[in-house]
Amino acid sequence: MSSPDLSRRWDTILFDEAQDANPVTSALVLSQPCRVILVGDSYQQIYRFRGADNALSHPVLNDADRLWLTQSFRFGPSVARMANLLLQRAGETRQVTGSGGEDEVLMSRTGADKPEGHQTVLSRTVAGVICTALMASLSGRKVYWVGGIEGYRTEALEDLYWFSADMPEKMQSDALRRDYRDFDEYCRIAKSTRDVEMNQAIRLLDICFPLPVKLKLLREHTVTCEKDADITVSTAHRSKGLEWPVVILDEDFADITDPLMPEDERRDETNLLYVAVTRARKTLVLNSLMRQLAEEAGRDEQNQKAAEASPSEEGENDAVYGQEDENA
């Protein structure tokens, strides 16, 4: 690159979404002699797998002024509480404040308190999105796909079906035959690598048999205008920057409590779940993972309150004084 001096044209550069920055763009912006303002949220970094860098953590910013925008007008205190559960797991001590008015968190999408009207279901995987759309189509509901159905590779899933049936002549692409000896090998690799997308695709073949017939029905129930839909479907990645009144979390998110999960992967998956949770404006319907985290947090709060209410062994008025942390 020519290392242009952008200060010749601009006094200030505003660098948005800096938590998922192109490394080349980051290097260009951070090398400028003019004032640079970076905007972003490190806990919404979700594209590290594409090589994106978190420019907010660059060493050149160690002495920069930092402003923490912790108030959200999108949602209220109930959704904020779920977001804070994830922030706490990520090691964050600051909390998000929900100032968007009254909201609610539901433990299940079924039962007497299930949400009515248009709903948005956010999935971790493309296969999860397709599964949700298929179930909605089978019940006669119109489906809107964030970014368009073309971006969800339904033809690749159909190829997997024909691959599993050993009918390669019906496949549109030879990618599967190049990468795997047969469907059994595909399944073995999916299991051994614990690949979320591959395993969800295998599950989808089982529950939506025969898949080509179901996909035809799905396409017939797809609409291109969201206001015409009964349900909106999207991956959590595609939902970034969007919001809806009612958001339902799908069951295919990675288990961030798994002790065997590598820490960098846990961080990425926690960030992605945080993004999904914070898309809700008025109603958030939890999946089993978030339900577990919420229940654990509730028990911890009860135990803490009980401990605070109990007198100490040495006496009720015992107190401990220490030096205040100047960095707190």
C-alpha atoms as a PDB file:
ATOM      1  CA  MET A   1       0.000   0.000   0.000  1.00  0.00           C
ATOM      2  CA  SER A   2       1.014   3.630  -0.449  1.00  0.00           C
ATOM      3  CA  SER A   3       0.447   4.512   3.252  1.00  0.00           C
ATOM      4  CA  PRO A   4      -1.671   7.591   2.460  1.00  0.00           C
ATOM      5  CA  ASP A   5      -1.833  10.489   4.922  1.00  0.00           C
ATOM      6  CA  LEU A   6      -5.586  10.883   5.416  1.00  0.00           C
ATOM      7  CA  SER A   7      -5.068  13.905   7.671  1.00  0.00           C
ATOM      8  CA  ARG A   8      -4.545  15.988   4.541  1.00  0.00           C
ATOM      9  CA  ARG A   9      -8.273  15.664   3.868  1.00  0.00           C
ATOM     10  CA  TRP A  10      -9.824  14.958   7.270  1.00  0.00           C
ATOM     11  CA  ASP A  11      -9.280  16.211  10.806  1.00  0.00           C
ATOM     12  CA  THR A  12     -10.995  13.208  12.391  1.00  0.00           C
ATOM     13  CA  ILE A  13     -11.516   9.587  11.338  1.00  0.00           C
ATOM     14  CA  LEU A  14     -14.418   7.611  12.825  1.00  0.00           C
ATOM     15  CA  PHE A  15     -13.756   3.860  12.703  1.00  0.00           C
ATOM     16  CA  ASP A  16     -16.992   1.959  13.430  1.00  0.00           C
ATOM     17  CA  GLU A  17     -17.367  -1.761  14.255  1.00  0.00           C
ATOM     18  CA  ALA A  18     -13.725  -1.732  15.299  1.00  0.00           C
ATOM     19  CA  GLN A  19     -14.074  -5.027  17.176  1.00  0.00           C
ATOM     20  CA  ASP A  20     -14.272  -6.917  13.856  1.00  0.00           C
ATOM     21  CA  ALA A  21     -11.822  -4.967  11.752  1.00  0.00           C
ATOM     22  CA  ASN A  22      -9.906  -5.885   8.647  1.00  0.00           C
ATOM     23  CA  PRO A  23      -6.234  -5.940   9.759  1.00  0.00           C
ATOM     24  CA  VAL A  24      -5.165  -3.862   6.756  1.00  0.00           C
ATOM     25  CA  THR A  25      -7.818  -1.233   7.471  1.00  0.00           C
ATOM     26  CA  SER A  26      -6.843  -1.182  11.151  1.00  0.00           C
ATOM     27  CA  ALA A  27      -3.184  -0.615  10.317  1.00  0.00           C
ATOM     28  CA  LEU A  28      -4.093   2.208   7.931  1.00  0.00           C
ATOM     29  CA  VAL A  29      -6.431   3.994  10.348  1.00  0.00           C
ATOM     30  CA  LEU A  30      -4.261   3.634  13.458  1.00  0.00           C
ATOM     31  CA  SER A  31      -1.201   5.001  11.659  1.00  0.00           C
ATOM     32  CA  GLN A  32      -2.854   8.346  10.882  1.00  0.00           C
ATOM     33  CA  PRO A  33      -1.567  11.513  12.589  1.00  0.00           C
ATOM     34  CA  CYS A  34      -5.050  13.040  12.877  1.00  0.00           C
ATOM     35  CA  ARG A  35      -7.580  12.331  15.606  1.00  0.00           C
ATOM     36  CA  VAL A  36      -9.033   8.817  15.396  1.00  0.00           C
ATOM     37  CA  ILE A  37     -12.236   7.706  17.125  1.00  0.00           C
ATOM     38  CA  LEU A  38     -12.908   3.975  17.330  1.00  0.00           C
ATOM     39  CA  VAL A  39     -16.406   2.703  18.084  1.00  0.00           C
ATOM     40  CA  GLY A  40     -17.137  -0.906  18.913  1.00  0.00           C
ATOM     41  CA  ASP A  41     -17.902  -3.581  21.468  1.00  0.00           C
ATOM     42  CA  SER A  42     -15.281  -6.248  22.127  1.00  0.00           C
ATOM     43  CA  TYR A  43     -18.029  -8.605  23.281  1.00  0.00           C
ATOM     44  CA  GLN A  44     -19.614  -8.428  19.842  1.00  0.00           C
ATOM     45  CA  GLN A  45     -16.502  -9.636  18.036  1.00  0.00           C
ATOM     46  CA  ILE A  46     -17.925 -12.566  16.039  1.00  0.00           C
ATOM     47  CA  TYR A  47     -15.824 -12.736  12.868  1.00  0.00           C
ATOM     48  CA  ARG A  48     -12.454 -13.792  14.234  1.00  0.00           C
ATOM     49  CA  PHE A  49     -12.816 -17.014  12.213  1.00  0.00           C
ATOM     50  CA  ARG A  50     -12.572 -14.862   9.078  1.00  0.00           C
ATOM     51  CA  GLY A  51      -9.349 -13.268  10.259  1.00  0.00           C
ATOM     52  CA  ALA A  52     -10.932 -10.123  11.695  1.00  0.00           C
ATOM     53  CA  ASP A  53      -8.965  -8.272  14.377  1.00  0.00           C
ATOM     54  CA  ASN A  54     -10.229  -6.440  17.440  1.00  0.00           C
ATOM     55  CA  ALA A  55      -8.725  -3.026  16.757  1.00  0.00           C
ATOM     56  CA  LEU A  56      -9.963  -1.826  20.161  1.00  0.00           C
ATOM     57  CA  SER A  57      -7.251  -3.897  21.847  1.00  0.00           C
ATOM     58  CA  HIS A  58      -4.364  -2.608  19.711  1.00  0.00           C
ATOM     59  CA  PRO A  59      -1.322  -1.584  21.831  1.00  0.00           C
ATOM     60  CA  VAL A  60      -1.252   1.870  20.231  1.00  0.00           C
ATOM     61  CA  LEU A  61      -4.494   2.597  22.105  1.00  0.00           C
ATOM     62  CA  ASN A  62      -3.121   1.804  25.571  1.00  0.00           C
ATOM     63  CA  ASP A  63      -3.052   5.503  26.504  1.00  0.00           C
ATOM     64  CA  ALA A  64      -6.184   6.483  24.585  1.00  0.00           C
ATOM     65  CA  ASP A  65      -9.226   8.005  26.282  1.00  0.00           C
ATOM     66  CA  ARG A  66     -11.999   5.438  26.683  1.00  0.00           C
ATOM     67  CA  LEU A  67     -15.715   6.075  27.096  1.00  0.00           C
ATOM     68  CA  TRP A  68     -17.991   3.213  28.145  1.00  0.00           C
ATOM     69  CA  LEU A  69     -21.487   3.326  26.655  1.00  0.00           C
ATOM     70  CA  THR A  70     -23.294   0.859  28.896  1.00  0.00           C
ATOM     71  CA  GLN A  71     -26.868   2.099  28.491  1.00  0.00           C
ATOM     72  CA  SER A  72     -29.101   0.519  25.841  1.00  0.00           C
ATOM     73  CA  PHE A  73     -32.428   1.955  24.721  1.00  0.00           C
ATOM     74  CA  ARG A  74     -33.221  -1.131  22.637  1.00  0.00           C
ATOM     75  CA  PHE A  75     -34.371  -3.348  25.496  1.00  0.00           C
ATOM     76  CA  GLY A  76     -35.340  -3.131  29.140  1.00  0.00           C
ATOM     77  CA  PRO A  77     -33.986  -4.588  32.388  1.00  0.00           C
ATOM     78  CA  SER A  78     -35.067  -8.199  31.779  1.00  0.00           C
ATOM     79  CA  VAL A  79     -33.118  -8.648  28.539  1.00  0.00           C
ATOM     80  CA  ALA A  80     -30.251  -6.646  30.054  1.00  0.00           C
ATOM     81  CA  ARG A  81     -30.043  -9.174  32.879  1.00  0.00           C
ATOM     82  CA  MET A  82     -29.533 -12.009  30.368  1.00  0.00           C
ATOM     83  CA  ALA A  83     -26.891  -9.975  28.538  1.00  0.00           C
ATOM     84  CA  ASN A  84     -25.088  -9.329  31.814  1.00  0.00           C
ATOM     85  CA  LEU A  85     -24.981 -13.057  32.583  1.00  0.00           C
ATOM     86  CA  LEU A  86     -22.903 -13.518  29.439  1.00  0.00           C
ATOM     87  CA  LEU A  87     -20.744 -10.451  30.059  1.00  0.00           C
ATOM     88  CA  GLN A  88     -19.980 -11.744  33.531  1.00  0.00           C
ATOM     89  CA  ARG A  89     -18.904 -15.104  32.110  1.00  0.00           C
ATOM     90  CA  ALA A  90     -16.591 -13.212  29.758  1.00  0.00           C
ATOM     91  CA  GLY A  91     -14.960 -11.465  32.710  1.00  0.00           C
ATOM     92  CA  GLU A  92     -16.611  -8.061  32.318  1.00  0.00           C
ATOM     93  CA  THR A  93     -17.360  -6.177  35.547  1.00  0.00           C
ATOM     94  CA  ARG A  94     -19.363  -3.341  34.000  1.00  0.00           C
ATOM     95  CA  GLN A  95     -23.035  -4.058  33.421  1.00  0.00           C
ATOM     96  CA  VAL A  96     -25.399  -3.127  30.614  1.00  0.00           C
ATOM     97  CA  THR A  97     -28.375  -1.042  31.707  1.00  0.00           C
ATOM     98  CA  GLY A  98     -31.604  -1.659  29.806  1.00  0.00           C
ATOM     99  CA  SER A  99     -33.475   1.637  29.382  1.00  0.00           C
ATOM    100  CA  GLY A 100     -35.802   0.620  26.568  1.00  0.00           C
ATOM    101  CA  GLY A 101     -38.923   0.276  28.677  1.00  0.00           C
ATOM    102  CA  GLU A 102     -40.841  -2.774  29.806  1.00  0.00           C
ATOM    103  CA  ASP A 103     -39.638  -6.114  28.449  1.00  0.00           C
ATOM    104  CA  GLU A 104     -39.826  -9.787  29.354  1.00  0.00           C
ATOM    105  CA  VAL A 105     -37.823 -12.984  29.240  1.00  0.00           C
ATOM    106  CA  LEU A 106     -39.709 -16.237  28.665  1.00  0.00           C
ATOM    107  CA  MET A 107     -38.279 -19.604  29.620  1.00  0.00           C
ATOM    108  CA  SER A 108     -39.975 -21.465  26.751  1.00  0.00           C
ATOM    109  CA  ARG A 109     -41.650 -20.821  23.416  1.00  0.00           C
ATOM    110  CA  THR A 110     -44.532 -23.145  24.377  1.00  0.00           C
ATOM    111  CA  GLY A 111     -47.133 -23.022  27.113  1.00  0.00           C
ATOM    112  CA  ALA A 112     -49.603 -20.410  28.258  1.00  0.00           C
ATOM    113  CA  ASP A 113     -47.144 -17.507  28.030  1.00  0.00           C
ATOM    114  CA  LYS A 114     -45.804 -18.281  24.545  1.00  0.00           C
ATOM    115  CA  PRO A 115     -45.307 -15.169  22.384  1.00  0.00           C
ATOM    116  CA  GLU A 116     -47.976 -14.243  19.852  1.00  0.00           C
ATOM    117  CA  GLY A 117     -47.689 -12.608  16.443  1.00  0.00           C
ATOM    118  CA  HIS A 118     -44.576 -12.235  14.333  1.00  0.00           C
ATOM    119  CA  GLN A 119     -41.478 -13.876  15.789  1.00  0.00           C
ATOM    120  CA  THR A 120     -37.802 -14.015  14.885  1.00  0.00           C
ATOM    121  CA  VAL A 121     -35.805 -17.185  15.488  1.00  0.00           C
ATOM    122  CA  LEU A 122     -32.019 -16.830  15.656  1.00  0.00           C
ATOM    123  CA  SER A 123     -29.892 -19.926  15.076  1.00  0.00           C
ATOM    124  CA  ARG A 124     -26.197 -20.665  15.482  1.00  0.00           C
ATOM    125  CA  THR A 125     -26.004 -22.684  12.263  1.00  0.00           C
ATOM    126  CA  VAL A 126     -27.297 -22.433   8.716  1.00  0.00           C
ATOM    127  CA  ALA A 127     -28.787 -25.909   9.126  1.00  0.00           C
ATOM    128  CA  GLY A 128     -30.585 -24.651  12.228  1.00  0.00           C
ATOM    129  CA  VAL A 129     -32.112 -21.797  10.239  1.00  0.00           C
ATOM    130  CA  ILE A 130     -33.264 -24.200   7.520  1.00  0.00           C
ATOM    131  CA  CYS A 131     -34.766 -26.536  10.119  1.00  0.00           C
ATOM    132  CA  THR A 132     -36.739 -23.687  11.709  1.00  0.00           C
ATOM    133  CA  ALA A 133     -37.944 -22.514   8.300  1.00  0.00           C
ATOM    134  CA  LEU A 134     -38.965 -26.062   7.354  1.00  0.00           C
ATOM    135  CA  MET A 135     -40.991 -26.537  10.523  1.00  0.00           C
ATOM    136  CA  ALA A 136     -42.726 -23.202   9.934  1.00  0.00           C
ATOM    137  CA  SER A 137     -43.450 -24.082   6.296  1.00  0.00           C
ATOM    138  CA  LEU A 138     -44.943 -27.430   7.264  1.00  0.00           C
ATOM    139  CA  SER A 139     -47.399 -25.564   9.490  1.00  0.00           C
ATOM    140  CA  GLY A 140     -48.328 -23.207   6.642  1.00  0.00           C
ATOM    141  CA  ARG A 141     -46.457 -20.155   7.905  1.00  0.00           C
ATOM    142  CA  LYS A 142     -44.781 -17.622   5.617  1.00  0.00           C
ATOM    143  CA  VAL A 143     -41.034 -17.289   6.185  1.00  0.00           C
ATOM    144  CA  TYR A 144     -38.705 -14.322   5.721  1.00  0.00           C
ATOM    145  CA  TRP A 145     -34.969 -15.043   5.523  1.00  0.00           C
ATOM    146  CA  VAL A 146     -32.590 -12.281   6.657  1.00  0.00           C
ATOM    147  CA  GLY A 147     -30.272 -11.706   3.714  1.00  0.00           C
ATOM    148  CA  GLY A 148     -32.434 -13.826   1.383  1.00  0.00           C
ATOM    149  CA  ILE A 149     -32.869 -17.590   1.149  1.00  0.00           C
ATOM    150  CA  GLU A 150     -30.096 -17.756  -1.462  1.00  0.00           C
ATOM    151  CA  GLY A 151     -27.504 -17.047   1.227  1.00  0.00           C
ATOM    152  CA  TYR A 152     -28.385 -20.147   3.266  1.00  0.00           C
ATOM    153  CA  ARG A 153     -27.146 -22.798   0.818  1.00  0.00           C
ATOM    154  CA  THR A 154     -30.248 -24.980   0.771  1.00  0.00           C
ATOM    155  CA  GLU A 155     -28.854 -26.616  -2.373  1.00  0.00           C
ATOM    156  CA  ALA A 156     -25.783 -27.751  -0.383  1.00  0.00           C
ATOM    157  CA  LEU A 157     -28.052 -29.448   2.135  1.00  0.00           C
ATOM    158  CA  GLU A 158     -29.956 -31.106  -0.689  1.00  0.00           C
ATOM    159  CA  ASP A 159     -26.639 -32.348  -2.090  1.00  0.00           C
ATOM    160  CA  LEU A 160     -25.884 -33.862   1.325  1.00  0.00           C
ATOM    161  CA  TYR A 161     -29.196 -35.711   1.153  1.00  0.00           C
ATOM    162  CA  TRP A 162     -28.347 -37.243  -2.245  1.00  0.00           C
ATOM    163  CA  PHE A 163     -24.827 -37.966  -0.990  1.00  0.00           C
ATOM    164  CA  SER A 164     -26.290 -39.879   1.968  1.00  0.00           C
ATOM    165  CA  ALA A 165     -28.528 -41.807  -0.442  1.00  0.00           C
ATOM    166  CA  ASP A 166     -25.525 -42.657  -2.670  1.00  0.00           C
ATOM    167  CA  MET A 167     -27.117 -40.913  -5.655  1.00  0.00           C
ATOM    168  CA  PRO A 168     -24.303 -38.615  -6.857  1.00  0.00           C
ATOM    169  CA  GLU A 169     -25.936 -38.089 -10.252  1.00  0.00           C
ATOM    170  CA  LYS A 170     -28.536 -35.858  -8.566  1.00  0.00           C
ATOM    171  CA  MET A 171     -25.978 -33.654  -6.808  1.00  0.00           C
ATOM    172  CA  GLN A 172     -25.483 -30.109  -8.096  1.00  0.00           C
ATOM    173  CA  SER A 173     -21.883 -29.898  -6.847  1.00  0.00           C
ATOM    174  CA  ASP A 174     -19.108 -32.464  -6.511  1.00  0.00           C
ATOM    175  CA  ALA A 175     -17.626 -30.784  -3.397  1.00  0.00           C
ATOM    176  CA  LEU A 176     -18.797 -33.511  -1.008  1.00  0.00           C
ATOM    177  CA  ARG A 177     -17.417 -36.289  -3.214  1.00  0.00           C
ATOM    178  CA  ARG A 178     -14.067 -34.489  -3.383  1.00  0.00           C
ATOM    179  CA  ASP A 179     -13.802 -34.061   0.383  1.00  0.00           C
ATOM    180  CA  TYR A 180     -15.320 -37.319   1.695  1.00  0.00           C
ATOM    181  CA  ARG A 181     -15.154 -40.917   0.567  1.00  0.00           C
ATOM    182  CA  ASP A 182     -18.801 -41.500   1.471  1.00  0.00           C
ATOM    183  CA  PHE A 183     -21.532 -40.313   3.845  1.00  0.00           C
ATOM    184  CA  ASP A 184     -20.276 -42.570   6.630  1.00  0.00           C
ATOM    185  CA  GLU A 185     -16.926 -40.788   6.559  1.00  0.00           C
ATOM    186  CA  TYR A 186     -18.740 -37.432   6.615  1.00  0.00           C
ATOM    187  CA  CYS A 187     -20.595 -38.537   9.763  1.00  0.00           C
ATOM    188  CA  ARG A 188     -17.431 -39.830  11.436  1.00  0.00           C
ATOM    189  CA  ILE A 189     -15.602 -36.562  10.811  1.00  0.00           C
ATOM    190  CA  ALA A 190     -18.587 -34.554  12.026  1.00  0.00           C
ATOM    191  CA  LYS A 191     -18.615 -36.543  15.253  1.00  0.00           C
ATOM    192  CA  SER A 192     -14.860 -36.493  15.859  1.00  0.00           C
ATOM    193  CA  THR A 193     -14.465 -32.766  15.151  1.00  0.00           C
ATOM    194  CA  ARG A 194     -17.726 -31.849  16.895  1.00  0.00           C
ATOM    195  CA  ASP A 195     -18.435 -29.507  14.005  1.00  0.00           C
ATOM    196  CA  VAL A 196     -21.683 -27.712  14.873  1.00  0.00           C
ATOM    197  CA  GLU A 197     -22.772 -27.102  11.278  1.00  0.00           C
ATOM    198  CA  MET A 198     -22.065 -30.651  10.062  1.00  0.00           C
ATOM    199  CA  ASN A 199     -23.816 -32.308  12.993  1.00  0.00           C
ATOM    200  CA  GLN A 200     -26.847 -30.064  12.652  1.00  0.00           C
ATOM    201  CA  ALA A 201     -27.059 -30.934   8.944  1.00  0.00           C
ATOM    202  CA  ILE A 202     -27.009 -34.663   9.747  1.00  0.00           C
ATOM    203  CA  ARG A 203     -29.770 -34.147  12.306  1.00  0.00           C
ATOM    204  CA  LEU A 204     -31.805 -32.250   9.733  1.00  0.00           C
ATOM    205  CA  LEU A 205     -31.625 -35.146   7.268  1.00  0.00           C
ATOM    206  CA  ASP A 206     -33.115 -37.408   9.935  1.00  0.00           C
ATOM    207  CA  ILE A 207     -36.016 -35.214  11.004  1.00  0.00           C
ATOM    208  CA  CYS A 208     -36.948 -33.826   7.560  1.00  0.00           C
ATOM    209  CA  PHE A 209     -37.096 -36.956   5.426  1.00  0.00           C
ATOM    210  CA  PRO A 210     -37.475 -36.870   2.437  1.00  0.00           C
ATOM    211  CA  LEU A 211     -35.575 -33.606   2.349  1.00  0.00           C
ATOM    212  CA  PRO A 212     -36.008 -32.604  -1.350  1.00  0.00           C
ATOM    213  CA  VAL A 213     -39.799 -32.669  -0.983  1.00  0.00           C
ATOM    214  CA  LYS A 214     -39.633 -30.603   2.200  1.00  0.00           C
ATOM    215  CA  LEU A 215     -37.266 -28.073   0.613  1.00  0.00           C
ATOM    216  CA  LYS A 216     -39.703 -27.556  -2.262  1.00  0.00           C
ATOM    217  CA  LEU A 217     -42.423 -26.729   0.262  1.00  0.00           C
ATOM    218  CA  LEU A 218     -40.033 -24.428   2.101  1.00  0.00           C
ATOM    219  CA  ARG A 219     -39.282 -22.409  -1.025  1.00  0.00           C
ATOM    220  CA  GLU A 220     -43.005 -22.073  -1.735  1.00  0.00           C
ATOM    221  CA  HIS A 221     -43.534 -20.512   1.706  1.00  0.00           C
ATOM    222  CA  THR A 222     -40.642 -18.051   1.413  1.00  0.00           C
ATOM    223  CA  VAL A 223     -41.480 -14.337   1.148  1.00  0.00           C
ATOM    224  CA  THR A 224     -39.148 -11.493   0.226  1.00  0.00           C
ATOM    225  CA  CYS A 225     -40.845  -8.796   2.324  1.00  0.00           C
ATOM    226  CA  GLU A 226     -40.614  -9.194   6.088  1.00  0.00           C
ATOM    227  CA  LYS A 227     -43.982  -7.570   6.774  1.00  0.00           C
ATOM    228  CA  ASP A 228     -45.640 -10.377   4.767  1.00  0.00           C
ATOM    229  CA  ALA A 229     -44.041 -13.082   6.927  1.00  0.00           C
ATOM    230  CA  ASP A 230     -45.299 -14.919   9.988  1.00  0.00           C
ATOM    231  CA  ILE A 231     -41.756 -15.692  11.083  1.00  0.00           C
ATOM    232  CA  THR A 232     -38.267 -14.324  10.416  1.00  0.00           C
ATOM    233  CA  VAL A 233     -35.253 -16.638  10.426  1.00  0.00           C
ATOM    234  CA  SER A 234     -31.567 -15.782  10.579  1.00  0.00           C
ATOM    235  CA  THR A 235     -28.218 -16.936  11.832  1.00  0.00           C
ATOM    236  CA  ALA A 236     -26.898 -15.029  14.825  1.00  0.00           C
ATOM    237  CA  HIS A 237     -24.078 -13.717  12.627  1.00  0.00           C
ATOM    238  CA  ARG A 238     -26.491 -12.191  10.110  1.00  0.00           C
ATOM    239  CA  SER A 239     -28.586 -10.677  12.900  1.00  0.00           C
ATOM    240  CA  LYS A 240     -25.754  -8.340  13.957  1.00  0.00           C
ATOM    241  CA  GLY A 241     -26.976  -4.741  13.834  1.00  0.00           C
ATOM    242  CA  LEU A 242     -30.657  -5.724  13.615  1.00  0.00           C
ATOM    243  CA  GLU A 243     -33.450  -5.909  16.193  1.00  0.00           C
ATOM    244  CA  TRP A 244     -36.950  -7.340  16.557  1.00  0.00           C
ATOM    245  CA  PRO A 245     -39.780  -7.132  19.108  1.00  0.00           C
ATOM    246  CA  VAL A 246     -39.786 -10.894  19.743  1.00  0.00           C
ATOM    247  CA  VAL A 247     -36.617 -13.001  19.514  1.00  0.00           C
ATOM    248  CA  ILE A 248     -36.445 -16.762  20.089  1.00  0.00           C
ATOM    249  CA  LEU A 249     -33.063 -18.423  20.638  1.00  0.00           C
ATOM    250  CA  ASP A 250     -32.675 -21.717  18.775  1.00  0.00           C
ATOM    251  CA  GLU A 251     -31.270 -24.812  20.466  1.00  0.00           C
ATOM    252  CA  ASP A 252     -28.200 -25.166  18.242  1.00  0.00           C
ATOM    253  CA  PHE A 253     -25.889 -22.701  20.026  1.00  0.00           C
ATOM    254  CA  ALA A 254     -22.630 -24.186  21.286  1.00  0.00           C
ATOM    255  CA  ASP A 255     -22.483 -25.156  24.959  1.00  0.00           C
ATOM    256  CA  ILE A 256     -20.228 -22.472  26.428  1.00  0.00           C
ATOM    257  CA  THR A 257     -20.201 -24.325  29.770  1.00  0.00           C
ATOM    258  CA  ASP A 258     -18.422 -27.325  28.217  1.00  0.00           C
ATOM    259  CA  PRO A 259     -15.121 -27.702  30.133  1.00  0.00           C
ATOM    260  CA  LEU A 260     -13.488 -29.274  27.065  1.00  0.00           C
ATOM    261  CA  MET A 261     -14.150 -26.259  24.840  1.00  0.00           C
ATOM    262  CA  PRO A 262     -10.964 -24.302  23.989  1.00  0.00           C
ATOM    263  CA  GLU A 263     -10.977 -20.868  25.624  1.00  0.00           C
ATOM    264  CA  ASP A 264     -10.715 -18.892  22.385  1.00  0.00           C
ATOM    265  CA  GLU A 265     -13.675 -20.845  20.989  1.00  0.00           C
ATOM    266  CA  ARG A 266     -15.607 -20.290  24.228  1.00  0.00           C
ATOM    267  CA  ARG A 267     -15.008 -16.554  23.910  1.00  0.00           C
ATOM    268  CA  ASP A 268     -16.221 -16.522  20.308  1.00  0.00           C
ATOM    269  CA  GLU A 269     -19.343 -18.548  21.105  1.00  0.00           C
ATOM    270  CA  THR A 270     -20.147 -16.424  24.163  1.00  0.00           C
ATOM    271  CA  ASN A 271     -19.874 -13.291  22.041  1.00  0.00           C
ATOM    272  CA  LEU A 272     -22.192 -14.769  19.426  1.00  0.00           C
ATOM    273  CA  LEU A 273     -24.786 -15.708  22.035  1.00  0.00           C
ATOM    274  CA  TYR A 274     -24.504 -12.193  23.481  1.00  0.00           C
ATOM    275  CA  VAL A 275     -25.218 -10.710  20.048  1.00  0.00           C
ATOM    276  CA  ALA A 276     -28.280 -12.947  19.659  1.00  0.00           C
ATOM    277  CA  VAL A 277     -29.656 -12.122  23.119  1.00  0.00           C
ATOM    278  CA  THR A 278     -29.350  -8.383  22.554  1.00  0.00           C
ATOM    279  CA  ARG A 279     -31.396  -8.403  19.331  1.00  0.00           C
ATOM    280  CA  ALA A 280     -34.647  -8.544  21.352  1.00  0.00           C
ATOM    281  CA  ARG A 281     -36.582  -5.352  22.071  1.00  0.00           C
ATOM    282  CA  LYS A 282     -39.605  -6.527  24.062  1.00  0.00           C
ATOM    283  CA  THR A 283     -39.592 -10.328  24.397  1.00  0.00           C
ATOM    284  CA  LEU A 284     -36.700 -12.774  24.565  1.00  0.00           C
ATOM    285  CA  VAL A 285     -37.425 -16.512  24.588  1.00  0.00           C
ATOM    286  CA  LEU A 286     -34.548 -18.510  26.034  1.00  0.00           C
ATOM    287  CA  ASN A 287     -33.120 -21.777  24.764  1.00  0.00           C
ATOM    288  CA  SER A 288     -32.082 -24.526  27.171  1.00  0.00           C
ATOM    289  CA  LEU A 289     -28.517 -23.170  27.475  1.00  0.00           C
ATOM    290  CA  MET A 290     -29.580 -19.665  28.488  1.00  0.00           C
ATOM    291  CA  ARG A 291     -32.263 -21.153  30.713  1.00  0.00           C
ATOM    292  CA  GLN A 292     -29.562 -23.128  32.533  1.00  0.00           C
ATOM    293  CA  LEU A 293     -27.398 -20.019  32.964  1.00  0.00           C
ATOM    294  CA  ALA A 294     -30.358 -17.988  34.222  1.00  0.00           C
ATOM    295  CA  GLU A 295     -31.357 -20.664  36.733  1.00  0.00           C
ATOM    296  CA  GLU A 296     -27.781 -20.989  38.003  1.00  0.00           C
ATOM    297  CA  ALA A 297     -27.540 -17.215  38.398  1.00  0.00           C
ATOM    298  CA  GLY A 298     -30.830 -17.186  40.286  1.00  0.00           C
ATOM    299  CA  ARG A 299     -29.590 -19.832  42.706  1.00  0.00           C
ATOM    300  CA  ASP A 300     -26.324 -17.964  43.223  1.00  0.00           C
ATOM    301  CA  GLU A 301     -28.225 -14.766  44.027  1.00  0.00           C
ATOM    302  CA  GLN A 302     -30.407 -16.574  46.548  1.00  0.00           C
ATOM    303  CA  ASN A 303     -27.383 -18.152  48.217  1.00  0.00           C
ATOM    304  CA  GLN A 304     -25.617 -14.801  48.376  1.00  0.00           C
ATOM    305  CA  LYS A 305     -28.644 -13.118  49.943  1.00  0.00           C
ATOM    306  CA  ALA A 306     -28.932 -15.919  52.482  1.00  0.00           C
ATOM    307  CA  ALA A 307     -25.251 -15.589  53.358  1.00  0.00           C
ATOM    308  CA  GLU A 308     -25.531 -11.822  53.762  1.00  0.00           C
ATOM    309  CA  ALA A 309     -28.577 -12.214  56.001  1.00  0.00           C
ATOM    310  CA  SER A 310     -26.809 -14.694  58.300  1.00  0.00           C
ATOM    311  CA  PRO A 311     -24.663 -13.348  61.182  1.00  0.00           C
ATOM    312  CA  SER A 312     -20.968 -14.187  61.080  1.00  0.00           C
ATOM    313  CA  GLU A 313     -19.473 -16.618  63.549  1.00  0.00           C
ATOM    314  CA  GLU A 314     -17.674 -13.795  65.376  1.00  0.00           C
ATOM    315  CA  GLY A 315     -20.696 -11.507  65.590  1.00  0.00           C
ATOM    316  CA  GLU A 316     -23.251  -9.621  63.525  1.00  0.00           C
ATOM    317  CA  ASN A 317     -21.352  -6.353  63.511  1.00  0.00           C
ATOM    318  CA  ASP A 318     -18.008  -7.636  62.257  1.00  0.00           C
ATOM    319  CA  ALA A 319     -16.574  -5.571  59.413  1.00  0.00           C
ATOM    320  CA  VAL A 320     -13.426  -5.724  57.338  1.00  0.00           C
ATOM    321  CA  TYR A 321     -11.717  -2.579  56.140  1.00  0.00           C
ATOM    322  CA  GLY A 322      -9.047  -2.470  53.486  1.00  0.00           C
ATOM    323  CA  GLN A 323      -7.305  -0.112  51.149  1.00  0.00           C
ATOM    324  CA  GLU A 324      -9.475   1.045  48.260  1.00  0.00           C
ATOM    325  CA  ASP A 325      -8.306  -0.096  44.849  1.00  0.00           C
ATOM    326  CA  GLU A 326      -7.475   3.046  42.907  1.00  0.00           C
ATOM    327  CA  ASN A 327      -8.064   1.203  39.621  1.00  0.00           C
ATOM    328  CA  ALA A 328     -11.580   0.012  40.483  1.00  0.00           C
END
